[in-house]
C-alpha atoms as a PDB file:
ATOM      1  CA  MET A   1      38.086  95.643  68.196  1.00  0.00           C
ATOM      2  CA  ALA A   2      37.802  93.639  71.565  1.00  0.00           C
ATOM      3  CA  LYS A   3      36.517  95.691  74.376  1.00  0.00           C
ATOM      4  CA  PHE A   4      37.182  94.480  77.773  1.00  0.00           C
ATOM      5  CA  LYS A   5      35.676  95.787  81.141  1.00  0.00           C
ATOM      6  CA  ASP A   6      39.269  96.429  82.371  1.00  0.00           C
ATOM      7  CA  GLU A   7      41.142  99.391  81.182  1.00  0.00           C
ATOM      8  CA  VAL A   8      44.500  97.650  81.607  1.00  0.00           C
ATOM      9  CA  ALA A   9      43.415  94.687  79.497  1.00  0.00           C
ATOM     10  CA  ASN A  10      42.293  97.204  76.824  1.00  0.00           C
ATOM     11  CA  ASN A  11      45.648  99.003  77.021  1.00  0.00           C
ATOM     12  CA  THR A  12      47.484  95.698  76.593  1.00  0.00           C
ATOM     13  CA  HIS A  13      45.210  94.662  73.718  1.00  0.00           C
ATOM     14  CA  ARG A  14      45.811  97.797  71.914  1.00  0.00           C
ATOM     15  CA  PHE A  15      49.584  97.238  72.488  1.00  0.00           C
ATOM     16  CA  PHE A  16      49.542  93.827  70.906  1.00  0.00           C
ATOM     17  CA  ILE A  17      47.419  95.070  67.935  1.00  0.00           C
ATOM     18  CA  ASN A  18      49.020  98.515  67.205  1.00  0.00           C
ATOM     19  CA  LYS A  19      52.525  98.749  68.816  1.00  0.00           C
ATOM     20  CA  LEU A  20      54.027  95.242  68.563  1.00  0.00           C
ATOM     21  CA  PRO A  21      53.762  95.157  64.779  1.00  0.00           C
ATOM     22  CA  GLU A  22      55.571  98.439  64.636  1.00  0.00           C
ATOM     23  CA  LEU A  23      58.315  97.111  66.978  1.00  0.00           C
ATOM     24  CA  LEU A  24      58.662  93.957  65.025  1.00  0.00           C
ATOM     25  CA  ALA A  25      58.993  96.007  61.765  1.00  0.00           C
ATOM     26  CA  PHE A  26      61.638  98.394  63.244  1.00  0.00           C
ATOM     27  CA  ALA A  27      63.683  95.368  64.457  1.00  0.00           C
ATOM     28  CA  GLY A  28      63.187  93.664  61.000  1.00  0.00           C
ATOM     29  CA  CYS A  29      61.528  90.598  62.682  1.00  0.00           C
ATOM     30  CA  HIS A  30      58.380  88.572  62.415  1.00  0.00           C
ATOM     31  CA  GLU A  31      55.970  87.463  65.098  1.00  0.00           C
ATOM     32  CA  ASP A  32      57.756  83.962  65.095  1.00  0.00           C
ATOM     33  CA  VAL A  33      60.846  85.279  66.768  1.00  0.00           C
ATOM     34  CA  LEU A  34      58.881  85.935  69.960  1.00  0.00           C
ATOM     35  CA  LEU A  35      57.787  82.184  69.781  1.00  0.00           C
ATOM     36  CA  SER A  36      61.345  80.965  69.234  1.00  0.00           C
ATOM     37  CA  GLY A  37      64.506  81.064  71.314  1.00  0.00           C
ATOM     38  CA  ARG A  38      66.093  83.620  68.986  1.00  0.00           C
ATOM     39  CA  ASP A  39      67.982  86.486  70.565  1.00  0.00           C
ATOM     40  CA  PHE A  40      67.485  90.016  69.332  1.00  0.00           C
ATOM     41  CA  SER A  41      71.255  91.098  69.554  1.00  0.00           C
ATOM     42  CA  GLU A  42      73.298  93.040  67.052  1.00  0.00           C
ATOM     43  CA  PRO A  43      71.079  95.002  64.559  1.00  0.00           C
ATOM     44  CA  LYS A  44      72.243  94.757  61.089  1.00  0.00           C
ATOM     45  CA  VAL A  45      72.161  98.218  59.384  1.00  0.00           C
ATOM     46  CA  ASN A  46      74.246  99.376  56.469  1.00  0.00           C
ATOM     47  CA  SER A  47      74.456 103.064  55.529  1.00  0.00           C
ATOM     48  CA  SER A  48      77.047 105.440  54.178  1.00  0.00           C
ATOM     49  CA  LYS A  49      76.221 108.433  56.352  1.00  0.00           C
ATOM     50  CA  LYS A  50      77.431 107.711  60.008  1.00  0.00           C
ATOM     51  CA  ASN A  51      74.622 109.806  61.709  1.00  0.00           C
ATOM     52  CA  VAL A  52      71.822 108.366  59.786  1.00  0.00           C
ATOM     53  CA  ALA A  53      73.229 104.900  60.600  1.00  0.00           C
ATOM     54  CA  GLU A  54      73.620 105.614  64.270  1.00  0.00           C
ATOM     55  CA  THR A  55      69.990 106.964  64.419  1.00  0.00           C
ATOM     56  CA  VAL A  56      68.715 103.865  62.754  1.00  0.00           C
ATOM     57  CA  ILE A  57      70.823 101.531  64.706  1.00  0.00           C
ATOM     58  CA  PHE A  58      69.564 103.305  67.938  1.00  0.00           C
ATOM     59  CA  ARG A  59      65.937 102.757  66.906  1.00  0.00           C
ATOM     60  CA  VAL A  60      66.523  99.167  65.742  1.00  0.00           C
ATOM     61  CA  ASP A  61      68.332  98.496  69.021  1.00  0.00           C
ATOM     62  CA  SER A  62      65.543 100.144  71.210  1.00  0.00           C
ATOM     63  CA  ALA A  63      63.082  97.980  69.255  1.00  0.00           C
ATOM     64  CA  ARG A  64      64.846  94.865  69.850  1.00  0.00           C
ATOM     65  CA  ILE A  65      65.385  95.671  73.634  1.00  0.00           C
ATOM     66  CA  MET A  66      61.531  96.125  73.758  1.00  0.00           C
ATOM     67  CA  LEU A  67      60.909  92.961  71.960  1.00  0.00           C
ATOM     68  CA  ASP A  68      63.220  91.143  74.409  1.00  0.00           C
ATOM     69  CA  SER A  69      61.017  92.671  77.155  1.00  0.00           C
ATOM     70  CA  VAL A  70      58.004  91.363  75.436  1.00  0.00           C
ATOM     71  CA  LYS A  71      59.483  87.918  75.205  1.00  0.00           C
ATOM     72  CA  ASP A  72      60.708  88.028  78.799  1.00  0.00           C
ATOM     73  CA  ALA A  73      57.260  89.093  80.090  1.00  0.00           C
ATOM     74  CA  LEU A  74      55.575  86.231  78.129  1.00  0.00           C
ATOM     75  CA  TYR A  75      57.872  83.547  79.274  1.00  0.00           C
ATOM     76  CA  SER A  76      57.647  84.704  82.979  1.00  0.00           C
ATOM     77  CA  MET A  77      53.838  84.117  82.767  1.00  0.00           C
ATOM     78  CA  ASP A  78      51.709  80.987  83.726  1.00  0.00           C
ATOM     79  CA  GLU A  79      51.794  78.709  80.623  1.00  0.00           C
ATOM     80  CA  THR A  80      48.002  78.887  79.842  1.00  0.00           C
ATOM     81  CA  TYR A  81      48.034  82.694  79.980  1.00  0.00           C
ATOM     82  CA  ARG A  82      51.120  82.803  77.804  1.00  0.00           C
ATOM     83  CA  LYS A  83      49.617  80.415  75.225  1.00  0.00           C
ATOM     84  CA  ILE A  84      46.390  82.476  75.172  1.00  0.00           C
ATOM     85  CA  ILE A  85      48.294  85.638  74.363  1.00  0.00           C
ATOM     86  CA  GLN A  86      50.567  83.816  71.861  1.00  0.00           C
ATOM     87  CA  LEU A  87      47.639  82.236  69.957  1.00  0.00           C
ATOM     88  CA  CYS A  88      45.556  85.247  70.039  1.00  0.00           C
ATOM     89  CA  TYR A  89      47.927  87.952  69.190  1.00  0.00           C
ATOM     90  CA  LEU A  90      50.940  86.159  67.656  1.00  0.00           C
ATOM     91  CA  SER A  91      49.128  83.382  65.681  1.00  0.00           C
ATOM     92  CA  ASN A  92      45.876  85.505  65.052  1.00  0.00           C
ATOM     93  CA  LEU A  93      43.611  82.691  66.152  1.00  0.00           C
ATOM     94  CA  ARG A  94      39.976  83.472  67.307  1.00  0.00           C
ATOM     95  CA  ASN A  95      38.699  82.435  70.819  1.00  0.00           C
ATOM     96  CA  PHE A  96      37.030  79.295  69.591  1.00  0.00           C
ATOM     97  CA  GLU A  97      40.158  78.299  67.826  1.00  0.00           C
ATOM     98  CA  ILE A  98      42.324  78.853  70.936  1.00  0.00           C
ATOM     99  CA  ALA A  99      39.745  76.847  72.965  1.00  0.00           C
ATOM    100  CA  GLY A 100      39.993  73.959  70.786  1.00  0.00           C
ATOM    101  CA  ARG A 101      43.817  74.013  70.743  1.00  0.00           C
ATOM    102  CA  LEU A 102      44.120  74.293  74.607  1.00  0.00           C
ATOM    103  CA  GLY A 103      41.162  71.971  75.398  1.00  0.00           C
ATOM    104  CA  TYR A 104      39.135  74.662  77.261  1.00  0.00           C
ATOM    105  CA  SER A 105      35.701  76.079  76.478  1.00  0.00           C
ATOM    106  CA  GLU A 106      35.425  79.323  74.496  1.00  0.00           C
ATOM    107  CA  ARG A 107      33.847  80.878  77.689  1.00  0.00           C
ATOM    108  CA  THR A 108      36.797  79.907  79.711  1.00  0.00           C
ATOM    109  CA  ILE A 109      39.057  81.571  77.138  1.00  0.00           C
ATOM    110  CA  ASN A 110      36.851  84.732  77.204  1.00  0.00           C
ATOM    111  CA  ASN A 111      37.338  84.756  80.940  1.00  0.00           C
ATOM    112  CA  TYR A 112      41.134  84.049  80.991  1.00  0.00           C
ATOM    113  CA  LYS A 113      42.001  86.494  78.273  1.00  0.00           C
ATOM    114  CA  PRO A 114      41.581  89.699  80.264  1.00  0.00           C
ATOM    115  CA  ILE A 115      43.475  88.098  83.209  1.00  0.00           C
ATOM    116  CA  ALA A 116      46.316  87.126  80.819  1.00  0.00           C
ATOM    117  CA  LEU A 117      46.548  90.669  79.415  1.00  0.00           C
ATOM    118  CA  LYS A 118      46.690  92.322  82.815  1.00  0.00           C
ATOM    119  CA  THR A 119      49.199  89.859  83.932  1.00  0.00           C
ATOM    120  CA  PHE A 120      51.340  90.631  80.882  1.00  0.00           C
ATOM    121  CA  ALA A 121      50.985  94.277  81.469  1.00  0.00           C
ATOM    122  CA  VAL A 122      52.512  94.204  85.003  1.00  0.00           C
ATOM    123  CA  ARG A 123      55.278  91.778  83.925  1.00  0.00           C
ATOM    124  CA  PHE A 124      56.057  93.919  80.857  1.00  0.00           C
ATOM    125  CA  VAL A 125      56.762  96.995  82.978  1.00  0.00           C
ATOM    126  CA  ALA A 126      59.119  95.123  85.126  1.00  0.00           C
ATOM    127  CA  MET A 127      60.923  93.478  82.189  1.00  0.00           C
ATOM    128  CA  GLN A 128      61.360  96.610  80.415  1.00  0.00           C
ATOM    129  CA  LEU A 129      63.119  98.168  83.552  1.00  0.00           C
ATOM    130  CA  SER A 130      65.261  94.984  84.065  1.00  0.00           C
ATOM    131  CA  ASN A 131      66.195  95.048  80.393  1.00  0.00           C
ATOM    132  CA  GLY A 132      67.659  98.626  80.838  1.00  0.00           C
ATOM    133  CA  ILE A 133      64.863 100.740  79.367  1.00  0.00           C
ATOM    134  CA  ASP A 134      64.895 104.258  81.001  1.00  0.00           C
ATOM    135  CA  GLU A 135      61.869 104.771  83.131  1.00  0.00           C
ATOM    136  CA  LYS A 136      60.711 107.613  80.964  1.00  0.00           C
ATOM    137  CA  HIS A 137      60.561 105.468  77.956  1.00  0.00           C
ATOM    138  CA  VAL A 138      58.761 102.554  79.554  1.00  0.00           C
ATOM    139  CA  PHE A 139      55.407 101.380  77.967  1.00  0.00           C
ATOM    140  CA  ASP A 140      53.262 101.483  81.056  1.00  0.00           C
ATOM    141  CA  LEU A 141      50.190  99.463  80.058  1.00  0.00           C
ATOM    142  CA  THR A 142      49.004  99.469  83.667  1.00  0.00           C
ATOM    143  CA  LYS A 143      48.251 103.292  83.657  1.00  0.00           C
ATOM    144  CA  THR A 144      44.662 104.006  83.783  1.00  0.00           C
ATOM    145  CA  LYS A 145      42.708 107.310  83.394  1.00  0.00           C
ATOM    146  CA  GLU A 146      41.832 108.948  86.741  1.00  0.00           C
ATOM    147  CA  VAL A 147      38.216 109.608  87.435  1.00  0.00           C
ATOM    148  CA  ALA A 148      37.641 112.860  89.480  1.00  0.00           C
END
């Protein structure tokens, strides 16, 4: 696991590694939808029991709204930072492969990655709120542990 000096970068890294795959699975999507122009509207759920179906639809819909927030945050970022996150976490490339694709040195990618993650964290909070996610359900990747 990558360990960054910055706690916000670590929080965001863990989000992409642990939580994003869960959200994609709930929404019935693959990482590719975050790279495409596809919209996450209208969940497709069939069930004979109304309450179960409503619960599943709510969860699927919530996951899709969260994925919209991820996508909106990514596309509001500087192109270089966005590509670093996409290539690292959605295409699962290593830093030297990202460097080759973007025409930077591996050291530059190592320096840019925590900046990209911190930038994403701030924009992700804003996009969740603008997409209608209630404040108490927002994934705030910018929260850090307070040291007394």
